[in-house]
């Protein structure tokens, strides 16, 4: 059963990998630049994302980008191993933006699907940072069974707390996520899982840019 669910989530993620279509208009900072932005995956590490299992896409209006995972699933209970209950992923992105602009991430929308038996608990948490800078505080979200549906969490940063990439420098943007499933208080015959994607084919993770023009060089 679990292999079927995982395969469905993987297919859904792969279908989404080529496009980004956030529904929220940009409302953070300056207007986005009109020039081309490119994002490539530099490195991927973690039990929830082997190399090649994460894809990135830019929104057409440069207000956001998406990260899609194809194998990111934590599970606990019948038929699982202890190491299955915690999955993590650290992904380093190489972001190229038009000259004269810099960016921060103002909001991150994490989405997926969870099937939690009564008594089981699921946890999603995430943080991010630019290479050479301190990581943002990791924000956690908990789900309690019985639960069998899509899930979504949003982490938004206050405008005065936004951390921008240094102007004129190339720094990797690192995203550090984690999912856990605790089934100790659930029926031992039940299996619970939490995935950072969806079985219905319309879910991915969206990071909303805040843009700022860099000071003119003298």
Protein backbone atom coordinates (compact mmCIF):
# COMPACT_ATOMS: atom_id res chain seq x y z
CA UNK A 1 0.00 0.00 0.00
CA UNK A 2 2.73 2.45 0.97
CA UNK A 3 4.67 1.88 -2.21
CA UNK A 4 1.56 2.73 -4.22
CA UNK A 5 0.99 5.93 -2.25
CA UNK A 6 4.62 6.95 -2.60
CA UNK A 7 4.57 6.30 -6.32
CA UNK A 8 1.47 8.45 -6.69
CA UNK A 9 3.12 11.29 -4.83
CA UNK A 10 6.23 10.98 -6.97
CA UNK A 11 4.24 11.13 -10.19
CA UNK A 12 2.38 14.19 -8.95
CA UNK A 13 5.64 15.92 -8.11
CA UNK A 14 7.25 15.15 -11.41
CA UNK A 15 4.26 16.53 -13.29
CA UNK A 16 4.69 19.82 -11.45
CA UNK A 17 8.44 20.15 -11.80
CA UNK A 18 8.36 22.12 -15.03
CA UNK A 19 6.13 25.00 -13.98
CA UNK A 20 5.54 27.42 -11.15
CA UNK A 21 2.19 29.06 -10.66
CA UNK A 22 1.85 30.66 -7.21
CA UNK A 23 -1.60 32.09 -6.60
CA UNK A 24 -0.55 34.98 -4.37
CA UNK A 25 0.55 38.18 -6.13
CA UNK A 26 3.81 39.69 -5.00
CA UNK A 27 3.25 42.13 -2.14
CA UNK A 28 6.68 42.19 -0.58
CA UNK A 29 9.24 44.96 -1.19
CA UNK A 30 9.91 46.55 -4.57
CA UNK A 31 8.47 45.37 -7.87
CA UNK A 32 10.27 42.31 -9.23
CA UNK A 33 12.85 42.81 -11.99
CA UNK A 34 11.78 42.08 -15.53
CA UNK A 35 15.08 40.44 -16.48
CA UNK A 36 15.75 36.71 -16.51
CA UNK A 37 16.20 34.83 -13.23
CA UNK A 38 17.75 31.39 -13.14
CA UNK A 39 17.85 28.93 -10.25
CA UNK A 40 19.74 25.66 -10.33
CA UNK A 41 20.13 22.97 -7.69
CA UNK A 42 23.76 23.03 -6.55
CA UNK A 43 23.64 20.29 -3.91
CA UNK A 44 21.02 18.10 -2.28
CA UNK A 45 21.60 16.23 0.96
CA UNK A 46 19.38 14.34 3.35
CA UNK A 47 17.37 11.19 3.88
CA UNK A 48 14.33 12.72 2.18
CA UNK A 49 15.92 13.89 -1.04
CA UNK A 50 18.53 11.89 -2.85
CA UNK A 51 20.29 13.68 -5.74
CA UNK A 52 17.95 14.13 -8.68
CA UNK A 53 14.75 14.02 -6.61
CA UNK A 54 14.22 17.80 -6.30
CA UNK A 55 13.31 20.23 -9.08
CA UNK A 56 13.04 24.04 -9.15
CA UNK A 57 10.94 26.37 -11.32
CA UNK A 58 10.53 30.18 -11.50
CA UNK A 59 7.14 31.88 -11.59
CA UNK A 60 6.60 33.73 -14.91
CA UNK A 61 6.25 37.09 -13.11
CA UNK A 62 9.44 36.60 -11.01
CA UNK A 63 7.50 36.84 -7.74
CA UNK A 64 8.26 33.33 -6.52
CA UNK A 65 9.87 29.99 -7.19
CA UNK A 66 8.83 26.45 -6.44
CA UNK A 67 10.70 23.42 -5.18
CA UNK A 68 9.20 20.04 -5.98
CA UNK A 69 10.27 16.83 -4.25
CA UNK A 70 9.58 13.41 -5.72
CA UNK A 71 10.62 11.09 -2.86
CA UNK A 72 10.08 13.07 0.34
CA UNK A 73 8.02 10.89 2.68
CA UNK A 74 8.19 10.06 6.41
CA UNK A 75 6.24 7.12 7.77
CA UNK A 76 5.75 5.11 10.96
CA UNK A 77 3.81 2.09 12.14
CA UNK A 78 3.22 -1.32 10.61
CA UNK A 79 5.69 -2.33 7.91
CA UNK A 80 8.12 0.57 8.49
CA UNK A 81 11.65 0.87 9.86
CA UNK A 82 12.62 3.23 12.72
CA UNK A 83 14.65 5.35 10.31
CA UNK A 84 11.54 5.92 8.16
CA UNK A 85 9.94 8.14 10.80
CA UNK A 86 12.25 11.13 10.29
CA UNK A 87 13.25 12.55 6.92
CA UNK A 88 15.18 15.71 6.20
CA UNK A 89 16.47 17.60 3.19
CA UNK A 90 18.99 20.38 2.79
CA UNK A 91 19.06 21.86 -0.68
CA UNK A 92 21.48 24.54 -1.87
CA UNK A 93 20.24 26.70 -4.74
CA UNK A 94 22.37 28.79 -7.07
CA UNK A 95 20.23 31.87 -7.73
CA UNK A 96 21.15 34.35 -10.49
CA UNK A 97 19.19 37.60 -10.48
CA UNK A 98 19.39 40.65 -12.79
CA UNK A 99 22.18 43.10 -12.02
CA UNK A 100 21.17 45.86 -9.61
CA UNK A 101 18.66 43.74 -7.66
CA UNK A 102 18.77 41.63 -4.55
CA UNK A 103 16.16 39.41 -2.93
CA UNK A 104 14.93 37.87 0.29
CA UNK A 105 12.33 35.18 0.91
CA UNK A 106 9.31 36.79 2.52
CA UNK A 107 7.04 33.77 2.78
CA UNK A 108 7.29 30.04 2.27
CA UNK A 109 4.25 27.85 1.63
CA UNK A 110 4.92 24.19 2.41
CA UNK A 111 2.39 21.69 1.12
CA UNK A 112 1.85 17.98 0.98
CA UNK A 113 -0.36 15.07 1.92
CA UNK A 114 -0.70 13.22 5.21
CA UNK A 115 -2.45 10.06 6.36
CA UNK A 116 -2.20 9.82 10.15
CA UNK A 117 -3.95 7.15 12.22
CA UNK A 118 -5.72 8.12 15.43
CA UNK A 119 -3.05 8.88 18.03
CA UNK A 120 -0.29 9.48 15.47
CA UNK A 121 1.39 12.86 15.05
CA UNK A 122 3.14 14.49 12.10
CA UNK A 123 5.63 17.35 12.20
CA UNK A 124 6.91 19.66 9.46
CA UNK A 125 9.58 22.26 10.12
CA UNK A 126 11.83 24.40 7.97
CA UNK A 127 14.38 27.16 7.92
CA UNK A 128 16.54 28.83 5.28
CA UNK A 129 19.62 31.01 4.98
CA UNK A 130 22.15 32.47 2.59
CA UNK A 131 25.59 30.89 2.44
CA UNK A 132 27.76 32.41 5.18
CA UNK A 133 24.81 33.77 7.15
CA UNK A 134 22.87 32.50 10.14
CA UNK A 135 19.88 30.26 9.50
CA UNK A 136 16.44 31.66 10.18
CA UNK A 137 14.60 30.26 13.17
CA UNK A 138 13.11 26.89 12.25
CA UNK A 139 9.33 27.10 12.37
CA UNK A 140 7.41 23.96 13.26
CA UNK A 141 3.87 22.80 12.49
CA UNK A 142 2.19 19.76 14.02
CA UNK A 143 -0.67 17.60 12.72
CA UNK A 144 -2.60 15.09 14.82
CA UNK A 145 -4.42 11.98 13.67
CA UNK A 146 -6.91 10.97 12.58
CA UNK A 147 -5.94 12.99 9.51
CA UNK A 148 -6.18 12.02 5.85
CA UNK A 149 -5.93 15.02 3.55
CA UNK A 150 -3.69 17.60 1.94
CA UNK A 151 -1.83 19.80 4.41
CA UNK A 152 -0.39 23.30 4.05
CA UNK A 153 1.70 25.54 6.30
CA UNK A 154 2.97 29.08 5.71
CA UNK A 155 5.97 30.77 7.32
CA UNK A 156 6.01 34.54 6.79
CA UNK A 157 8.76 36.96 7.81
CA UNK A 158 8.01 40.50 8.97
CA UNK A 159 9.20 43.16 6.52
CA UNK A 160 11.64 44.64 9.01
CA UNK A 161 13.15 41.21 9.66
CA UNK A 162 13.80 40.22 6.04
CA UNK A 163 17.35 39.07 5.29
CA UNK A 164 18.49 40.00 1.77
CA UNK A 165 21.27 38.45 -0.26
CA UNK A 166 24.35 40.71 -0.29
CA UNK A 167 24.26 42.98 -3.35
CA UNK A 168 26.73 42.03 -6.06
CA UNK A 169 27.65 38.70 -4.46
CA UNK A 170 26.71 35.17 -5.38
CA UNK A 171 25.66 33.16 -2.33
CA UNK A 172 23.91 29.82 -2.28
CA UNK A 173 20.40 29.97 -0.86
CA UNK A 174 19.99 27.00 1.50
CA UNK A 175 16.64 25.46 2.41
CA UNK A 176 16.56 23.05 5.36
CA UNK A 177 13.35 21.07 5.87
CA UNK A 178 12.33 18.13 8.03
CA UNK A 179 9.32 15.87 8.49
CA UNK A 180 8.62 13.44 11.32
CA UNK A 181 5.87 10.95 12.02
CA UNK A 182 5.33 9.55 15.54
CA UNK A 183 3.10 6.49 15.69
CA UNK A 184 3.89 5.31 19.23
CA UNK A 185 0.43 6.20 20.53
CA UNK A 186 -1.41 4.84 17.51
CA UNK A 187 -2.70 1.37 16.71
CA UNK A 188 0.44 -0.73 16.07
CA UNK A 189 -1.29 -2.32 13.08
CA UNK A 190 -1.82 1.09 11.44
CA UNK A 191 0.62 2.86 9.15
CA UNK A 192 0.89 6.66 9.11
CA UNK A 193 2.77 8.85 6.70
CA UNK A 194 3.44 12.47 5.79
CA UNK A 195 4.68 13.55 2.36
CA UNK A 196 6.06 16.85 1.05
CA UNK A 197 4.05 16.47 -2.15
CA UNK A 198 0.57 15.33 -3.04
CA UNK A 199 -1.24 12.38 -4.54
CA UNK A 200 -3.68 14.64 -6.42
CA UNK A 201 -1.14 16.30 -8.71
CA UNK A 202 -1.55 19.99 -7.84
CA UNK A 203 0.82 20.60 -4.92
CA UNK A 204 4.33 21.96 -4.64
CA UNK A 205 6.28 24.21 -2.27
CA UNK A 206 6.33 27.94 -3.03
CA UNK A 207 8.89 30.52 -1.90
CA UNK A 208 7.78 34.14 -2.35
CA UNK A 209 10.46 36.70 -3.18
CA UNK A 210 10.86 40.15 -1.65
CA UNK A 211 12.83 42.32 -4.09
CA UNK A 212 14.98 45.38 -3.47
CA UNK A 213 17.08 47.52 -5.78
CA UNK A 214 20.74 47.67 -4.81
CA UNK A 215 22.33 51.06 -4.13
CA UNK A 216 24.03 52.54 -7.17
CA UNK A 217 27.78 52.08 -7.13
CA UNK A 218 29.79 55.28 -6.96
